[in-house]
Amino acid sequence: MKIKVKVKPASSKNEVKKIDENFFEIKTTVIPEKGKANEKVIELLSEFFDVPKSKIKIIRGETSKEKEVEINL
């Protein structure tokens, strides 16, 4: 399954919000430095979909706030 994600780093809380079927907004308290925000995005999606982190991969937009993520359910 592929989804699009808009990331809001350095937010006041960690949150995954489903906007529509394949679009999610993710707020994270982590700053976008050295891939730390991407790691947190994967961790939050892992909890949201209840799948291991190893099944989630950012396939586009690693340095962008808008990302495409592949989740192997």
N, C-alpha and C. Protein backbone atom coordinates (compact mmCIF):
# COMPACT_ATOMS: atom_id res chain seq x y z
N MET A 1 0.84 -1.17 0.00
CA MET A 1 0.00 0.00 0.00
C MET A 1 0.89 1.24 0.00
N LYS A 2 0.57 2.19 -0.86
CA LYS A 2 1.32 3.44 -0.91
C LYS A 2 0.43 4.56 -0.41
N ILE A 3 1.02 5.42 0.43
CA ILE A 3 0.28 6.57 0.94
C ILE A 3 1.13 7.82 0.78
N LYS A 4 0.47 8.96 0.78
CA LYS A 4 1.16 10.24 0.78
C LYS A 4 1.06 10.82 2.17
N VAL A 5 2.16 11.45 2.60
CA VAL A 5 2.25 11.96 3.96
C VAL A 5 2.75 13.39 3.93
N LYS A 6 2.12 14.24 4.71
CA LYS A 6 2.63 15.60 4.91
C LYS A 6 3.13 15.65 6.35
N VAL A 7 4.39 15.99 6.53
CA VAL A 7 5.02 15.98 7.85
C VAL A 7 5.13 17.41 8.38
N LYS A 8 4.78 17.57 9.64
CA LYS A 8 4.94 18.85 10.33
C LYS A 8 5.92 18.62 11.48
N PRO A 9 7.22 18.81 11.23
CA PRO A 9 8.22 18.58 12.28
C PRO A 9 8.22 19.70 13.31
N ALA A 10 8.87 19.44 14.43
CA ALA A 10 9.00 20.40 15.54
C ALA A 10 7.64 20.88 16.03
N SER A 11 6.65 19.98 16.02
CA SER A 11 5.32 20.29 16.55
C SER A 11 5.30 20.09 18.06
N SER A 12 4.18 20.44 18.67
CA SER A 12 4.08 20.30 20.11
C SER A 12 3.76 18.88 20.56
N LYS A 13 3.31 18.02 19.61
CA LYS A 13 2.98 16.64 19.96
C LYS A 13 3.19 15.72 18.76
N ASN A 14 3.22 14.42 19.06
CA ASN A 14 3.32 13.41 18.00
C ASN A 14 1.91 12.93 17.68
N GLU A 15 1.55 12.97 16.38
CA GLU A 15 0.19 12.62 16.01
C GLU A 15 0.12 12.20 14.54
N VAL A 16 -0.68 11.17 14.26
CA VAL A 16 -0.98 10.75 12.88
C VAL A 16 -2.45 11.02 12.65
N LYS A 17 -2.75 11.76 11.59
CA LYS A 17 -4.13 12.13 11.29
C LYS A 17 -4.46 11.72 9.86
N LYS A 18 -5.49 10.92 9.70
CA LYS A 18 -5.91 10.47 8.37
C LYS A 18 -6.77 11.56 7.73
N ILE A 19 -6.32 12.10 6.60
CA ILE A 19 -7.05 13.14 5.89
C ILE A 19 -8.04 12.50 4.92
N ASP A 20 -7.56 11.57 4.11
CA ASP A 20 -8.44 10.75 3.29
C ASP A 20 -7.81 9.38 3.10
N GLU A 21 -8.34 8.58 2.20
CA GLU A 21 -7.92 7.18 2.06
C GLU A 21 -6.41 6.97 1.96
N ASN A 22 -5.72 7.80 1.18
CA ASN A 22 -4.28 7.62 0.97
C ASN A 22 -3.47 8.85 1.32
N PHE A 23 -3.99 9.73 2.17
CA PHE A 23 -3.26 10.94 2.55
C PHE A 23 -3.33 11.13 4.05
N PHE A 24 -2.15 11.29 4.67
CA PHE A 24 -2.06 11.43 6.11
C PHE A 24 -1.24 12.67 6.47
N GLU A 25 -1.56 13.26 7.60
CA GLU A 25 -0.76 14.37 8.14
C GLU A 25 -0.13 13.85 9.42
N ILE A 26 1.18 14.05 9.53
CA ILE A 26 1.90 13.57 10.70
C ILE A 26 2.59 14.74 11.37
N LYS A 27 2.30 14.91 12.65
CA LYS A 27 2.99 15.92 13.46
C LYS A 27 3.99 15.18 14.33
N THR A 28 5.20 15.72 14.42
CA THR A 28 6.23 15.11 15.25
C THR A 28 6.99 16.18 16.01
N THR A 29 7.38 15.85 17.22
CA THR A 29 8.13 16.79 18.06
C THR A 29 9.59 16.87 17.65
N VAL A 30 10.04 15.94 16.81
CA VAL A 30 11.44 15.85 16.40
C VAL A 30 11.74 16.89 15.32
N ILE A 31 12.94 17.48 15.40
CA ILE A 31 13.35 18.43 14.37
C ILE A 31 13.93 17.67 13.17
N PRO A 32 13.78 18.22 11.97
CA PRO A 32 14.26 17.51 10.76
C PRO A 32 15.77 17.65 10.60
N GLU A 33 16.51 16.85 11.35
CA GLU A 33 17.96 16.92 11.34
C GLU A 33 18.54 15.51 11.30
N LYS A 34 19.39 15.26 10.31
CA LYS A 34 20.07 13.96 10.17
C LYS A 34 19.12 12.78 10.11
N GLY A 35 17.95 12.96 9.49
CA GLY A 35 17.01 11.87 9.31
C GLY A 35 16.20 11.49 10.54
N LYS A 36 16.32 12.26 11.62
CA LYS A 36 15.62 11.92 12.85
C LYS A 36 14.10 12.03 12.68
N ALA A 37 13.63 13.04 11.96
CA ALA A 37 12.19 13.19 11.74
C ALA A 37 11.65 12.04 10.90
N ASN A 38 12.41 11.59 9.90
CA ASN A 38 11.98 10.45 9.08
C ASN A 38 11.86 9.19 9.92
N GLU A 39 12.80 8.99 10.83
CA GLU A 39 12.74 7.82 11.72
C GLU A 39 11.49 7.88 12.58
N LYS A 40 11.16 9.06 13.08
CA LYS A 40 9.98 9.23 13.91
C LYS A 40 8.71 9.01 13.09
N VAL A 41 8.69 9.48 11.84
CA VAL A 41 7.54 9.26 10.96
C VAL A 41 7.30 7.76 10.79
N ILE A 42 8.36 7.01 10.54
CA ILE A 42 8.23 5.56 10.37
C ILE A 42 7.73 4.91 11.66
N GLU A 43 8.26 5.38 12.79
CA GLU A 43 7.83 4.85 14.09
C GLU A 43 6.34 5.13 14.34
N LEU A 44 5.89 6.35 14.05
CA LEU A 44 4.48 6.70 14.26
C LEU A 44 3.56 5.93 13.33
N LEU A 45 3.96 5.77 12.07
CA LEU A 45 3.15 4.99 11.13
C LEU A 45 3.10 3.52 11.54
N SER A 46 4.20 3.02 12.08
CA SER A 46 4.26 1.64 12.55
C SER A 46 3.22 1.42 13.66
N GLU A 47 3.13 2.36 14.58
CA GLU A 47 2.14 2.26 15.66
C GLU A 47 0.72 2.41 15.10
N PHE A 48 0.52 3.35 14.19
CA PHE A 48 -0.80 3.63 13.64
C PHE A 48 -1.37 2.43 12.89
N PHE A 49 -0.55 1.80 12.05
CA PHE A 49 -1.00 0.66 11.24
C PHE A 49 -0.75 -0.68 11.91
N ASP A 50 -0.07 -0.67 13.06
CA ASP A 50 0.24 -1.88 13.81
C ASP A 50 1.03 -2.89 12.96
N VAL A 51 2.10 -2.37 12.34
CA VAL A 51 3.02 -3.21 11.57
C VAL A 51 4.45 -2.92 12.03
N PRO A 52 5.37 -3.85 11.85
CA PRO A 52 6.77 -3.59 12.23
C PRO A 52 7.37 -2.45 11.40
N LYS A 53 8.30 -1.71 11.99
CA LYS A 53 8.96 -0.60 11.29
C LYS A 53 9.66 -1.07 10.02
N SER A 54 10.11 -2.31 10.01
CA SER A 54 10.83 -2.85 8.85
C SER A 54 9.92 -2.97 7.62
N LYS A 55 8.60 -2.92 7.81
CA LYS A 55 7.65 -3.04 6.70
C LYS A 55 7.27 -1.67 6.11
N ILE A 56 7.88 -0.59 6.63
CA ILE A 56 7.55 0.76 6.18
C ILE A 56 8.80 1.40 5.56
N LYS A 57 8.62 2.00 4.39
CA LYS A 57 9.75 2.57 3.67
C LYS A 57 9.34 3.88 3.01
N ILE A 58 10.16 4.91 3.19
CA ILE A 58 9.93 6.17 2.49
C ILE A 58 10.51 6.02 1.09
N ILE A 59 9.66 6.10 0.07
CA ILE A 59 10.12 5.86 -1.29
C ILE A 59 10.33 7.16 -2.08
N ARG A 60 9.78 8.26 -1.58
CA ARG A 60 9.98 9.54 -2.25
C ARG A 60 9.83 10.67 -1.24
N GLY A 61 10.71 11.67 -1.34
CA GLY A 61 10.58 12.87 -0.52
C GLY A 61 11.31 12.81 0.81
N GLU A 62 12.44 12.11 0.86
CA GLU A 62 13.16 11.98 2.13
C GLU A 62 13.56 13.32 2.74
N THR A 63 13.86 14.30 1.91
CA THR A 63 14.27 15.61 2.43
C THR A 63 13.15 16.64 2.32
N SER A 64 11.96 16.19 1.98
CA SER A 64 10.81 17.09 1.80
C SER A 64 9.78 16.85 2.91
N LYS A 65 8.91 17.82 3.11
CA LYS A 65 7.82 17.63 4.08
C LYS A 65 6.73 16.74 3.52
N GLU A 66 6.65 16.67 2.19
CA GLU A 66 5.67 15.79 1.56
C GLU A 66 6.39 14.53 1.07
N LYS A 67 5.90 13.39 1.54
CA LYS A 67 6.58 12.13 1.27
C LYS A 67 5.60 11.11 0.70
N GLU A 68 6.17 10.13 0.01
CA GLU A 68 5.39 8.96 -0.40
C GLU A 68 5.98 7.78 0.35
N VAL A 69 5.10 7.04 0.99
CA VAL A 69 5.53 5.95 1.88
C VAL A 69 4.88 4.66 1.42
N GLU A 70 5.67 3.59 1.43
CA GLU A 70 5.15 2.27 1.09
C GLU A 70 5.07 1.43 2.37
N ILE A 71 3.89 0.83 2.58
CA ILE A 71 3.67 0.00 3.76
C ILE A 71 3.29 -1.40 3.29
N ASN A 72 4.05 -2.38 3.72
CA ASN A 72 3.77 -3.77 3.37
C ASN A 72 2.95 -4.39 4.51
N LEU A 73 1.64 -4.51 4.28
CA LEU A 73 0.76 -5.04 5.31
C LEU A 73 0.75 -6.56 5.31
